[in-house]
Amino acid sequence: MGYKTRQEGDTTVVTVEESRLDASLAGGFKDFMVDLIDAGNMNFVIDISGVSFMDSSGLGAVVAALKQVGSNGSVKLAGPQKAVSDPFDLTCMDRIFKTYATVDEALNA
């Protein structure tokens, strides 16, 4: 599993360095996010521009991060490809998650 983080002010940018976020990787991603949240990080931009496929398990891992930060933080998505944004649209999660074309857009929003 490949994830990279960097701090931009009070926001943690998490770059997913995998082409898929599916059942085989979703548990590891969820654990990675839990560790970041437990360490006190509450505002996130998740850069998924390199992800070309996400299934319901991957979507669930992203939702779990949002639920864990609750009203104390935020989770924004940056750079979703069409194949990745489709599951968000189909499940109406596009109403819950704010998506941006780039990380910089998400950070400046």
C-alpha atoms as a PDB file:
ATOM      1  CA  MET A   1       0.000   0.000   0.000  1.00  0.00           C
ATOM      2  CA  GLY A   2       1.338   3.370  -0.930  1.00  0.00           C
ATOM      3  CA  TYR A   3       0.284   6.591   0.722  1.00  0.00           C
ATOM      4  CA  LYS A   4       2.189   9.809   1.144  1.00  0.00           C
ATOM      5  CA  THR A   5       1.339  12.672   3.491  1.00  0.00           C
ATOM      6  CA  ARG A   6       2.340  16.277   3.842  1.00  0.00           C
ATOM      7  CA  GLN A   7       1.116  19.121   6.025  1.00  0.00           C
ATOM      8  CA  GLU A   8      -0.317  22.312   4.577  1.00  0.00           C
ATOM      9  CA  GLY A   9      -1.178  24.456   7.585  1.00  0.00           C
ATOM     10  CA  ASP A  10      -3.791  22.552   9.597  1.00  0.00           C
ATOM     11  CA  THR A  11      -4.611  20.255   6.675  1.00  0.00           C
ATOM     12  CA  THR A  12      -3.023  16.881   6.013  1.00  0.00           C
ATOM     13  CA  VAL A  13      -2.758  16.058   2.332  1.00  0.00           C
ATOM     14  CA  VAL A  14      -2.897  12.301   1.790  1.00  0.00           C
ATOM     15  CA  THR A  15      -1.817  11.162  -1.659  1.00  0.00           C
ATOM     16  CA  VAL A  16      -2.963   7.681  -2.622  1.00  0.00           C
ATOM     17  CA  GLU A  17      -0.129   6.187  -4.662  1.00  0.00           C
ATOM     18  CA  GLU A  18      -2.109   3.147  -5.782  1.00  0.00           C
ATOM     19  CA  SER A  19      -4.059   2.850  -9.028  1.00  0.00           C
ATOM     20  CA  ARG A  20      -6.872   1.007  -7.243  1.00  0.00           C
ATOM     21  CA  LEU A  21      -8.614   1.513  -3.945  1.00  0.00           C
ATOM     22  CA  ASP A  22     -10.568  -1.715  -3.689  1.00  0.00           C
ATOM     23  CA  ALA A  23     -11.281  -4.511  -1.229  1.00  0.00           C
ATOM     24  CA  SER A  24      -7.642  -5.620  -1.219  1.00  0.00           C
ATOM     25  CA  LEU A  25      -6.380  -2.192  -0.107  1.00  0.00           C
ATOM     26  CA  ALA A  26      -9.334  -0.519   1.615  1.00  0.00           C
ATOM     27  CA  GLY A  27      -8.607  -1.989   5.063  1.00  0.00           C
ATOM     28  CA  GLY A  28      -5.035  -0.745   4.983  1.00  0.00           C
ATOM     29  CA  PHE A  29      -6.149   2.708   3.854  1.00  0.00           C
ATOM     30  CA  LYS A  30      -8.753   2.852   6.609  1.00  0.00           C
ATOM     31  CA  ASP A  31      -6.144   1.884   9.223  1.00  0.00           C
ATOM     32  CA  PHE A  32      -3.737   4.481   7.806  1.00  0.00           C
ATOM     33  CA  MET A  33      -6.387   7.197   8.140  1.00  0.00           C
ATOM     34  CA  VAL A  34      -7.326   6.077  11.669  1.00  0.00           C
ATOM     35  CA  ASP A  35      -3.677   6.386  12.712  1.00  0.00           C
ATOM     36  CA  LEU A  36      -3.513   9.925  11.298  1.00  0.00           C
ATOM     37  CA  ILE A  37      -6.729  10.926  13.055  1.00  0.00           C
ATOM     38  CA  ASP A  38      -5.625   9.335  16.326  1.00  0.00           C
ATOM     39  CA  ALA A  39      -2.439  11.412  16.046  1.00  0.00           C
ATOM     40  CA  GLY A  40      -4.561  14.570  16.057  1.00  0.00           C
ATOM     41  CA  ASN A  41      -5.007  15.303  12.365  1.00  0.00           C
ATOM     42  CA  MET A  42      -8.598  16.343  11.646  1.00  0.00           C
ATOM     43  CA  ASN A  43      -8.607  18.142   8.280  1.00  0.00           C
ATOM     44  CA  PHE A  44      -7.750  16.188   5.164  1.00  0.00           C
ATOM     45  CA  VAL A  45      -7.422  16.529   1.436  1.00  0.00           C
ATOM     46  CA  ILE A  46      -7.232  13.079  -0.104  1.00  0.00           C
ATOM     47  CA  ASP A  47      -5.491  13.227  -3.475  1.00  0.00           C
ATOM     48  CA  ILE A  48      -7.011  10.400  -5.512  1.00  0.00           C
ATOM     49  CA  SER A  49      -5.897  11.697  -8.907  1.00  0.00           C
ATOM     50  CA  GLY A  50      -3.805   8.569  -9.491  1.00  0.00           C
ATOM     51  CA  VAL A  51      -6.613   6.176  -8.578  1.00  0.00           C
ATOM     52  CA  SER A  52      -8.312   4.751 -11.665  1.00  0.00           C
ATOM     53  CA  PHE A  53     -10.651   2.332  -9.866  1.00  0.00           C
ATOM     54  CA  MET A  54     -12.498   2.445  -6.562  1.00  0.00           C
ATOM     55  CA  ASP A  55     -15.056  -0.101  -5.411  1.00  0.00           C
ATOM     56  CA  SER A  56     -17.522   0.043  -2.527  1.00  0.00           C
ATOM     57  CA  SER A  57     -14.804  -1.042  -0.075  1.00  0.00           C
ATOM     58  CA  GLY A  58     -12.642   1.914  -1.058  1.00  0.00           C
ATOM     59  CA  LEU A  59     -15.628   4.223  -0.809  1.00  0.00           C
ATOM     60  CA  GLY A  60     -16.376   2.774   2.616  1.00  0.00           C
ATOM     61  CA  ALA A  61     -12.841   3.502   3.811  1.00  0.00           C
ATOM     62  CA  VAL A  62     -13.172   7.148   2.757  1.00  0.00           C
ATOM     63  CA  VAL A  63     -16.591   7.375   4.427  1.00  0.00           C
ATOM     64  CA  ALA A  64     -15.120   5.865   7.614  1.00  0.00           C
ATOM     65  CA  ALA A  65     -12.512   8.645   7.730  1.00  0.00           C
ATOM     66  CA  LEU A  66     -15.209  11.276   7.359  1.00  0.00           C
ATOM     67  CA  LYS A  67     -17.287   9.683  10.102  1.00  0.00           C
ATOM     68  CA  GLN A  68     -14.305   9.547  12.433  1.00  0.00           C
ATOM     69  CA  VAL A  69     -13.431  13.243  12.053  1.00  0.00           C
ATOM     70  CA  GLY A  70     -17.111  14.130  12.348  1.00  0.00           C
ATOM     71  CA  SER A  71     -17.903  17.778  12.901  1.00  0.00           C
ATOM     72  CA  ASN A  72     -14.405  18.374  14.288  1.00  0.00           C
ATOM     73  CA  GLY A  73     -12.738  18.179  10.882  1.00  0.00           C
ATOM     74  CA  SER A  74     -13.141  17.794   7.154  1.00  0.00           C
ATOM     75  CA  VAL A  75     -12.353  15.403   4.336  1.00  0.00           C
ATOM     76  CA  LYS A  76     -12.072  16.806   0.825  1.00  0.00           C
ATOM     77  CA  LEU A  77     -11.278  14.801  -2.300  1.00  0.00           C
ATOM     78  CA  ALA A  78      -8.942  16.055  -5.007  1.00  0.00           C
ATOM     79  CA  GLY A  79      -8.574  14.940  -8.607  1.00  0.00           C
ATOM     80  CA  PRO A  80     -11.053  12.085  -8.917  1.00  0.00           C
ATOM     81  CA  GLN A  81     -11.117  10.441 -12.332  1.00  0.00           C
ATOM     82  CA  LYS A  82     -14.556   9.660 -13.790  1.00  0.00           C
ATOM     83  CA  ALA A  83     -14.321   5.972 -12.868  1.00  0.00           C
ATOM     84  CA  VAL A  84     -13.712   7.019  -9.266  1.00  0.00           C
ATOM     85  CA  SER A  85     -16.311   9.781  -9.085  1.00  0.00           C
ATOM     86  CA  ASP A  86     -19.032   7.464 -10.465  1.00  0.00           C
ATOM     87  CA  PRO A  87     -19.382   5.437  -7.216  1.00  0.00           C
ATOM     88  CA  PHE A  88     -19.732   8.708  -5.296  1.00  0.00           C
ATOM     89  CA  ASP A  89     -22.459   9.840  -7.703  1.00  0.00           C
ATOM     90  CA  LEU A  90     -24.295   6.497  -7.660  1.00  0.00           C
ATOM     91  CA  THR A  91     -24.407   6.372  -3.869  1.00  0.00           C
ATOM     92  CA  CYS A  92     -25.195  10.109  -3.510  1.00  0.00           C
ATOM     93  CA  MET A  93     -21.957  10.543  -1.575  1.00  0.00           C
ATOM     94  CA  ASP A  94     -21.161  13.380  -3.976  1.00  0.00           C
ATOM     95  CA  ARG A  95     -23.577  15.378  -1.803  1.00  0.00           C
ATOM     96  CA  ILE A  96     -21.511  14.616   1.291  1.00  0.00           C
ATOM     97  CA  PHE A  97     -17.947  14.935  -0.029  1.00  0.00           C
ATOM     98  CA  LYS A  98     -16.615  18.089  -1.580  1.00  0.00           C
ATOM     99  CA  THR A  99     -14.499  17.260  -4.607  1.00  0.00           C
ATOM    100  CA  TYR A 100     -11.993  19.486  -6.350  1.00  0.00           C
ATOM    101  CA  ALA A 101     -10.017  19.196  -9.560  1.00  0.00           C
ATOM    102  CA  THR A 102      -6.679  19.660  -7.806  1.00  0.00           C
ATOM    103  CA  VAL A 103      -5.142  19.578  -4.349  1.00  0.00           C
ATOM    104  CA  ASP A 104      -4.461  23.313  -4.539  1.00  0.00           C
ATOM    105  CA  GLU A 105      -8.136  24.011  -5.247  1.00  0.00           C
ATOM    106  CA  ALA A 106      -9.133  21.899  -2.258  1.00  0.00           C
ATOM    107  CA  LEU A 107      -6.639  23.636   0.011  1.00  0.00           C
ATOM    108  CA  ASN A 108      -7.811  27.082  -1.077  1.00  0.00           C
ATOM    109  CA  ALA A 109     -11.536  26.315  -0.755  1.00  0.00           C
END
